[in-house]
C-alpha atoms as a PDB file:
ATOM      1  CA  MET A   1     112.480 108.973  94.127  1.00  0.00           C
ATOM      2  CA  GLY A   2     110.482 109.507  90.997  1.00  0.00           C
ATOM      3  CA  ARG A   3     107.523 111.705  90.356  1.00  0.00           C
ATOM      4  CA  LEU A   4     104.126 110.387  91.240  1.00  0.00           C
ATOM      5  CA  LYS A   5     101.570 110.077  88.545  1.00  0.00           C
ATOM      6  CA  GLN A   6      98.519 112.355  89.356  1.00  0.00           C
ATOM      7  CA  ARG A   7      95.193 110.632  89.036  1.00  0.00           C
ATOM      8  CA  GLN A   8      92.529 112.361  87.208  1.00  0.00           C
ATOM      9  CA  ARG A   9      89.995 113.342  89.771  1.00  0.00           C
ATOM     10  CA  THR A  10      86.362 113.340  88.988  1.00  0.00           C
ATOM     11  CA  THR A  11      83.919 115.459  90.787  1.00  0.00           C
ATOM     12  CA  GLU A  12      80.943 113.961  92.728  1.00  0.00           C
ATOM     13  CA  THR A  13      78.637 115.003  90.010  1.00  0.00           C
ATOM     14  CA  GLN A  14      80.556 113.302  87.206  1.00  0.00           C
ATOM     15  CA  ARG A  15      80.832 110.184  89.375  1.00  0.00           C
ATOM     16  CA  GLU A  16      77.145 110.132  90.262  1.00  0.00           C
ATOM     17  CA  SER A  17      76.260 110.701  86.468  1.00  0.00           C
ATOM     18  CA  THR A  18      78.415 107.640  85.587  1.00  0.00           C
ATOM     19  CA  ILE A  19      76.775 105.497  88.186  1.00  0.00           C
ATOM     20  CA  GLY A  20      73.407 106.568  87.017  1.00  0.00           C
ATOM     21  CA  ARG A  21      74.269 105.702  83.394  1.00  0.00           C
ATOM     22  CA  ALA A  22      75.619 102.396  84.480  1.00  0.00           C
ATOM     23  CA  ILE A  23      72.409 101.494  86.378  1.00  0.00           C
ATOM     24  CA  LEU A  24      70.277 102.452  83.347  1.00  0.00           C
ATOM     25  CA  ALA A  25      72.397 100.352  80.990  1.00  0.00           C
ATOM     26  CA  TYR A  26      72.103  97.211  83.407  1.00  0.00           C
ATOM     27  CA  GLU A  27      68.333  97.779  83.801  1.00  0.00           C
ATOM     28  CA  LYS A  28      67.872  97.946  80.052  1.00  0.00           C
ATOM     29  CA  GLY A  29      69.701  94.606  79.722  1.00  0.00           C
ATOM     30  CA  GLN A  30      72.727  95.931  77.725  1.00  0.00           C
ATOM     31  CA  TYR A  31      75.080  93.942  80.009  1.00  0.00           C
ATOM     32  CA  SER A  32      74.552  90.453  81.380  1.00  0.00           C
ATOM     33  CA  SER A  33      75.913  90.958  84.897  1.00  0.00           C
ATOM     34  CA  ILE A  34      76.572  93.742  87.302  1.00  0.00           C
ATOM     35  CA  ARG A  35      80.272  93.111  87.368  1.00  0.00           C
ATOM     36  CA  LYS A  36      80.434  93.497  83.464  1.00  0.00           C
ATOM     37  CA  THR A  37      78.512  96.644  83.750  1.00  0.00           C
ATOM     38  CA  ALA A  38      80.724  98.069  86.526  1.00  0.00           C
ATOM     39  CA  ASP A  39      83.866  97.291  84.528  1.00  0.00           C
ATOM     40  CA  ALA A  40      82.352  98.870  81.272  1.00  0.00           C
ATOM     41  CA  PHE A  41      81.658 102.128  83.134  1.00  0.00           C
ATOM     42  CA  GLY A  42      84.775 102.141  85.372  1.00  0.00           C
ATOM     43  CA  VAL A  43      82.745 101.972  88.640  1.00  0.00           C
ATOM     44  CA  GLY A  44      83.354  99.773  91.472  1.00  0.00           C
ATOM     45  CA  TYR A  45      81.171  96.554  91.617  1.00  0.00           C
ATOM     46  CA  THR A  46      80.286  97.107  95.172  1.00  0.00           C
ATOM     47  CA  ILE A  47      79.022 100.587  94.651  1.00  0.00           C
ATOM     48  CA  LEU A  48      76.820  99.476  91.640  1.00  0.00           C
ATOM     49  CA  HIS A  49      75.450  96.374  93.379  1.00  0.00           C
ATOM     50  CA  ARG A  50      74.436  98.478  96.496  1.00  0.00           C
ATOM     51  CA  ARG A  51      72.845 101.280  94.412  1.00  0.00           C
ATOM     52  CA  LEU A  52      70.901  98.628  92.417  1.00  0.00           C
ATOM     53  CA  ASN A  53      69.580  97.346  95.677  1.00  0.00           C
ATOM     54  CA  GLY A  54      68.282 100.798  96.802  1.00  0.00           C
ATOM     55  CA  GLY A  55      71.393 102.198  98.599  1.00  0.00           C
ATOM     56  CA  GLN A  56      72.206 105.784  98.598  1.00  0.00           C
ATOM     57  CA  SER A  57      75.484 107.693  98.096  1.00  0.00           C
ATOM     58  CA  ARG A  58      77.239 108.610 101.137  1.00  0.00           C
ATOM     59  CA  SER A  59      76.597 112.312 100.748  1.00  0.00           C
ATOM     60  CA  ILE A  60      72.945 111.768 100.385  1.00  0.00           C
ATOM     61  CA  ALA A  61      72.890 109.341 103.386  1.00  0.00           C
ATOM     62  CA  ASN A  62      74.638 111.739 105.642  1.00  0.00           C
ATOM     63  CA  ILE A  63      72.245 114.700 104.976  1.00  0.00           C
ATOM     64  CA  SER A  64      69.605 113.332 107.494  1.00  0.00           C
END
């Protein structure tokens, strides 16, 4: 059995920052669709779509 390739892990702060930048880019009109924006920033389409519609991250939603 070969060695498994280790994925580069991002911290929650880095991930939230990337999602925030993707939202700003989409709202400024730099990308024509949510899917293209998600692909460009390497975030999931569903996550970006949900956040654009007012959704919260899991960590924030679970605080209350």
